[in-house]
Protein backbone atom coordinates (compact mmCIF):
# COMPACT_ATOMS: atom_id res chain seq x y z
CA MET A 1 -90.59 10.66 -51.98
CA ALA A 2 -87.08 9.95 -50.88
CA GLU A 3 -86.66 10.69 -47.17
CA SER A 4 -84.52 13.59 -46.66
CA LEU A 5 -80.94 13.24 -45.16
CA THR A 6 -80.89 13.61 -41.54
CA THR A 7 -78.06 15.72 -39.57
CA GLU A 8 -76.52 12.48 -38.88
CA ASP A 9 -76.34 11.35 -42.48
CA GLN A 10 -74.69 14.63 -43.69
CA PRO A 11 -70.99 14.73 -43.96
CA SER A 12 -69.00 16.76 -41.57
CA THR A 13 -67.01 19.67 -42.32
CA GLU A 14 -63.90 17.72 -41.71
CA GLU A 15 -65.14 15.06 -44.26
CA LEU A 16 -66.01 17.50 -46.74
CA LEU A 17 -62.79 19.08 -46.57
CA ALA A 18 -60.80 15.73 -46.82
CA ARG A 19 -62.82 15.02 -49.92
CA ILE A 20 -61.79 18.32 -51.56
CA GLU A 21 -58.10 17.84 -50.75
CA GLU A 22 -58.37 14.34 -52.15
CA LEU A 23 -59.91 15.74 -55.41
CA GLU A 24 -57.39 18.49 -55.54
CA ARG A 25 -54.42 15.87 -55.37
CA GLU A 26 -56.03 13.85 -58.21
CA ARG A 27 -56.13 16.86 -60.29
CA ARG A 28 -52.36 17.78 -59.60
CA ASN A 29 -51.68 14.25 -60.32
CA LEU A 30 -53.32 14.03 -63.65
CA GLN A 31 -51.66 17.53 -64.59
CA ASP A 32 -48.39 15.95 -63.61
CA ILE A 33 -49.16 12.81 -65.99
CA ILE A 34 -50.14 15.03 -68.81
CA GLU A 35 -46.92 17.16 -68.50
CA ILE A 36 -44.66 14.01 -68.08
CA LEU A 37 -46.50 12.75 -71.29
CA GLN A 38 -45.55 15.94 -73.18
CA GLU A 39 -42.16 15.93 -71.96
CA ILE A 40 -41.21 12.23 -72.91
CA SER A 41 -43.29 12.52 -76.29
CA GLY A 42 -40.36 14.90 -77.47
CA SER A 43 -37.88 12.24 -77.32
CA LEU A 44 -37.13 8.86 -78.77
CA HIS A 45 -34.07 8.16 -76.93
CA PHE A 46 -34.83 5.82 -73.99
CA VAL A 47 -32.07 7.12 -71.58
CA ASP A 48 -33.33 10.83 -72.04
CA ILE A 49 -36.94 9.68 -71.44
CA LEU A 50 -36.25 7.75 -68.20
CA GLN A 51 -33.90 10.62 -66.96
CA ALA A 52 -36.77 12.99 -67.38
CA ILE A 53 -39.19 10.38 -65.25
CA THR A 54 -36.76 10.56 -62.44
CA ARG A 55 -36.53 14.10 -62.39
CA ARG A 56 -40.30 14.60 -62.39
CA LEU A 57 -40.83 11.99 -59.70
CA GLY A 58 -37.94 13.39 -57.54
CA GLU A 59 -39.21 16.77 -57.62
CA LYS A 60 -42.85 16.39 -57.20
CA PHE A 61 -42.30 14.29 -53.82
CA GLY A 62 -39.17 15.84 -52.71
CA LEU A 63 -37.21 12.49 -52.94
CA ASP A 64 -33.89 11.56 -51.33
CA ARG A 65 -33.41 9.27 -54.26
CA CYS A 66 -35.34 8.31 -57.38
CA THR A 67 -33.63 5.74 -59.89
CA ILE A 68 -34.48 3.57 -62.59
CA PHE A 69 -33.14 -0.01 -62.98
CA LEU A 70 -33.48 -2.15 -66.21
CA GLY A 71 -33.43 -5.88 -66.00
CA ASP A 72 -35.32 -9.04 -65.92
CA ARG A 73 -36.71 -11.65 -63.43
CA ALA A 74 -33.86 -14.04 -63.87
CA ALA A 75 -30.91 -11.52 -63.73
CA ARG A 76 -28.48 -11.36 -60.81
CA THR A 77 -27.68 -7.73 -62.04
CA ALA A 78 -29.78 -4.90 -63.18
CA ARG A 79 -28.26 -1.56 -64.91
CA LEU A 80 -28.72 1.95 -63.21
CA VAL A 81 -29.86 4.05 -66.24
CA ALA A 82 -31.44 7.19 -64.80
CA SER A 83 -30.85 9.04 -61.53
CA TYR A 84 -32.69 11.81 -59.84
CA GLU A 85 -29.85 12.75 -57.57
CA ASP A 86 -27.01 12.32 -59.80
CA PRO A 87 -28.00 12.85 -63.69
CA SER A 88 -24.54 11.84 -64.94
CA ILE A 89 -25.19 7.98 -64.00
CA ARG A 90 -26.63 6.48 -67.15
CA ASN A 91 -25.33 2.93 -67.20
CA PHE A 92 -24.20 1.51 -64.02
CA GLN A 93 -24.34 -2.23 -63.29
CA VAL A 94 -25.59 -3.12 -59.76
CA GLU A 95 -25.65 -6.58 -57.99
CA LEU A 96 -29.29 -7.23 -56.88
CA GLU A 97 -28.36 -8.70 -53.69
CA ARG A 98 -27.34 -5.42 -52.66
CA TYR A 99 -30.76 -4.19 -53.40
CA PRO A 100 -33.22 -7.09 -51.90
CA GLU A 101 -36.23 -4.73 -52.29
CA VAL A 102 -35.44 -4.15 -55.86
CA LYS A 103 -34.75 -8.00 -56.49
CA GLU A 104 -38.02 -8.81 -54.90
CA ALA A 105 -39.95 -6.32 -57.33
CA PHE A 106 -38.01 -7.96 -60.22
CA ARG A 107 -38.77 -11.29 -59.11
CA SER A 108 -42.58 -10.90 -58.12
CA GLY A 109 -43.61 -8.12 -60.65
CA GLU A 110 -45.53 -6.55 -57.84
CA THR A 111 -44.90 -3.28 -55.98
CA VAL A 112 -42.70 -3.41 -52.81
CA PHE A 113 -43.32 -0.83 -50.07
CA ILE A 114 -41.36 -0.45 -46.98
CA PRO A 115 -43.02 2.09 -44.53
CA ASP A 116 -40.03 2.44 -42.25
CA VAL A 117 -36.79 1.37 -43.31
CA ARG A 118 -35.60 1.13 -39.46
CA THR A 119 -37.73 -1.93 -38.99
CA ASP A 120 -37.03 -3.90 -42.20
CA PRO A 121 -34.94 -7.04 -41.63
CA ARG A 122 -33.99 -6.92 -45.26
CA LEU A 123 -32.35 -3.75 -44.93
CA LYS A 124 -29.94 -4.44 -42.19
CA HIS A 125 -26.83 -4.22 -44.15
CA VAL A 126 -27.33 -0.60 -45.13
CA GLN A 127 -29.00 0.73 -41.67
CA GLY A 128 -25.98 2.71 -41.34
CA VAL A 129 -26.23 4.60 -44.64
CA LEU A 130 -30.12 4.96 -44.56
CA LYS A 131 -29.66 6.70 -40.85
CA SER A 132 -27.14 8.90 -42.33
CA ARG A 133 -29.39 9.86 -45.24
CA ARG A 134 -32.58 10.37 -42.87
CA VAL A 135 -34.45 7.83 -45.07
CA LYS A 136 -38.16 7.03 -44.15
CA SER A 137 -39.38 4.90 -46.62
CA ILE A 138 -38.70 2.80 -49.83
CA THR A 139 -41.04 2.07 -52.53
CA VAL A 140 -40.38 0.03 -55.79
CA VAL A 141 -42.73 -0.10 -58.60
CA PRO A 142 -41.86 -2.41 -61.52
CA ILE A 143 -41.84 -1.32 -65.26
CA ALA A 144 -43.64 -4.21 -66.89
CA TRP A 145 -44.12 -4.88 -70.66
CA ARG A 146 -46.51 -7.83 -71.52
CA ARG A 147 -46.61 -8.73 -67.57
CA GLU A 148 -43.07 -9.18 -67.58
CA PRO A 149 -40.90 -6.77 -65.64
CA VAL A 150 -38.39 -4.93 -67.81
CA GLY A 151 -37.14 -2.35 -65.10
CA VAL A 152 -38.30 -0.93 -61.68
CA ILE A 153 -38.68 2.69 -60.28
CA PHE A 154 -37.00 3.00 -57.11
CA LEU A 155 -37.91 5.75 -54.67
CA ARG A 156 -36.73 6.95 -51.31
CA THR A 157 -38.46 9.38 -48.95
CA PHE A 158 -36.84 11.70 -46.42
CA ARG A 159 -37.74 11.14 -42.74
CA ALA A 160 -39.20 14.53 -42.30
CA GLY A 161 -41.14 14.35 -45.39
CA PRO A 162 -44.76 12.98 -45.87
CA SER A 163 -45.47 9.32 -46.37
CA PHE A 164 -46.52 8.04 -49.72
CA SER A 165 -50.52 7.60 -49.75
CA ASP A 166 -52.49 4.97 -51.75
CA ALA A 167 -53.11 7.75 -54.30
CA ASP A 168 -49.27 8.45 -54.57
CA VAL A 169 -48.61 4.76 -55.14
CA ARG A 170 -51.12 4.74 -57.75
CA PHE A 171 -49.71 7.71 -59.51
CA ILE A 172 -46.27 6.24 -59.65
CA GLN A 173 -47.66 2.82 -61.27
CA ILE A 174 -49.32 4.98 -63.70
CA VAL A 175 -46.03 6.55 -64.56
CA ALA A 176 -44.33 3.14 -64.83
CA GLY A 177 -46.89 2.06 -67.17
CA LEU A 178 -46.19 5.30 -69.50
CA SER A 179 -42.45 4.59 -69.02
CA ALA A 180 -42.84 0.87 -70.40
CA ARG A 181 -44.68 2.31 -73.40
CA ALA A 182 -41.95 4.82 -73.99
CA LEU A 183 -39.10 2.46 -73.67
CA ARG A 184 -41.13 0.41 -76.14
CA ASN A 185 -41.41 3.17 -79.00
CA ALA A 186 -37.75 4.25 -78.10
CA TYR A 187 -36.65 0.75 -78.84
CA ARG A 188 -38.54 0.62 -82.01
CA TYR A 189 -37.06 3.74 -82.98
CA GLU A 190 -33.75 2.87 -82.41
CA LYS A 191 -34.00 -0.51 -84.02
CA VAL A 192 -35.24 1.31 -87.39
CA LEU A 193 -32.19 3.78 -87.03
CA LYS A 194 -29.69 0.76 -86.54
CA HIS A 195 -31.21 -0.99 -89.60
CA GLN A 196 -30.93 2.29 -91.68
CA ASP A 197 -27.31 2.56 -90.59
CA GLU A 198 -26.67 -0.92 -91.62
CA GLU A 199 -28.06 -0.46 -95.33
CA SER A 200 -26.12 2.63 -95.49
CA ALA A 201 -22.90 0.77 -94.39
CA ASP A 202 -23.78 -1.77 -96.89
CA ALA A 203 -24.42 0.66 -99.91
CA GLU A 204 -21.02 2.40 -98.83
CA ARG A 205 -19.17 -0.95 -98.83
CA SER A 206 -20.77 -1.90 -102.16
CA GLY A 207 -19.90 1.75 -103.55
CA ARG A 208 -16.01 1.26 -102.72
CA ARG A 209 -16.06 -2.24 -104.05
CA ARG A 210 -17.43 -1.07 -107.42
CA ILE A 211 -14.92 2.04 -107.26
CA ALA A 212 -12.01 -0.84 -106.63
CA LEU A 213 -13.27 -2.76 -109.42
CA VAL A 214 -13.45 -0.11 -111.94
CA ASN A 215 -10.03 1.16 -111.00
CA PHE A 216 -8.51 -2.28 -111.25
CA ILE A 217 -9.88 -2.58 -114.83
CA LYS A 218 -8.72 0.62 -115.81
CA ARG A 219 -5.17 -0.05 -114.46
CA LEU A 220 -5.18 -3.49 -116.14
CA PHE A 221 -5.97 -1.86 -119.58
CA ASP A 222 -3.57 0.91 -119.01
CA ALA A 223 -0.77 -1.67 -118.39
CA TYR A 224 -1.53 -3.87 -121.31
CA MET A 225 -1.76 -1.04 -123.53
CA ALA A 226 1.56 0.33 -122.40
CA ASP A 227 3.08 -3.02 -122.77
CA ASP A 228 1.48 -3.64 -126.51
CA GLU A 229 2.50 -1.07 -129.02
CA LYS A 230 0.01 -2.72 -131.58
CA TRP A 231 -2.99 -2.02 -129.52
CA GLY A 232 -4.92 0.70 -130.72
CA ASP A 233 -8.09 1.77 -132.57
CA SER A 234 -6.40 1.35 -135.95
CA GLN A 235 -6.32 -2.35 -135.44
CA ILE A 236 -9.89 -2.82 -135.44
CA SER A 237 -12.66 -1.97 -137.81
CA LYS A 238 -14.78 1.09 -137.63
CA THR A 239 -17.67 -1.21 -137.00
CA SER A 240 -16.28 -3.01 -134.03
CA ALA A 241 -15.05 0.35 -132.57
CA GLU A 242 -18.61 1.63 -132.74
CA GLU A 243 -20.14 -1.47 -131.06
CA LEU A 244 -17.39 -1.18 -128.39
CA ASP A 245 -18.42 2.54 -127.91
CA ARG A 246 -21.99 1.56 -127.47
CA LEU A 247 -21.41 -1.41 -125.01
CA VAL A 248 -19.37 1.14 -122.75
CA GLU A 249 -22.31 3.38 -122.87
CA ILE A 250 -24.68 0.54 -121.65
CA ALA A 251 -22.11 -0.30 -119.05
CA LEU A 252 -22.06 3.07 -117.50
CA ALA A 253 -25.77 3.59 -117.68
CA VAL A 254 -26.46 0.21 -115.77
CA LEU A 255 -23.71 1.13 -113.22
CA ALA A 256 -25.46 4.50 -112.77
CA GLU A 257 -28.98 2.64 -112.29
CA GLU A 258 -27.37 0.45 -109.74
CA SER A 259 -25.79 3.11 -107.91
CA LYS A 260 -29.27 4.97 -107.45
CA ALA A 261 -31.17 1.65 -106.73
CA ARG A 262 -28.69 1.36 -103.49
């Protein structure tokens, strides 16, 4: 028989409460992920998707800032495409030299975590702004597609607020993965729409050319008939006239079918 647990082996009340709190936090995170999935699945426009993600994260963690940048490893600039604190920002270009932590996340493809912005030498140039905003920490999580960074989620916490736990960082990394997939689907959708628009434009141009050609031929015949008084049905045989009528009907039928095909 297995030996029974001694009092020393049994978890303390504090440990049990901590474990319960951890499980509850994981439950909330799963619920948030489901809600994020439901929200972003309702749109196929990537800007709306990313804006929804920044809003969700900003509200969940009570952030000073939550923004999403799009770019790549080699870029010197990135585009700020979604912002929790200012939703009107949709396509703002920034120099990555001003954001060394963002630049590092793009280059390495790894999460960058700065627990205390006051002690990080990379942020000396913005210490005044960070102090006035009462910023505590910065976390930058890459958005990767096929192991290549295509963007990052940038998060800043208030000094008076709670710090990010390892579970929180894992949650944000999961959201970053969802963002990458949503971006890919949105890109495919917008590519299909662009192709359809191009086909529609080609069909419209073809239709305009056909109309112009028919009008040109009509005006040419009108001008010729006005200039030549001898032109008329009386100058051709009945058989020839009937054959011409038949050819005209065939030509009109062909044009009608051509217009349907396009």
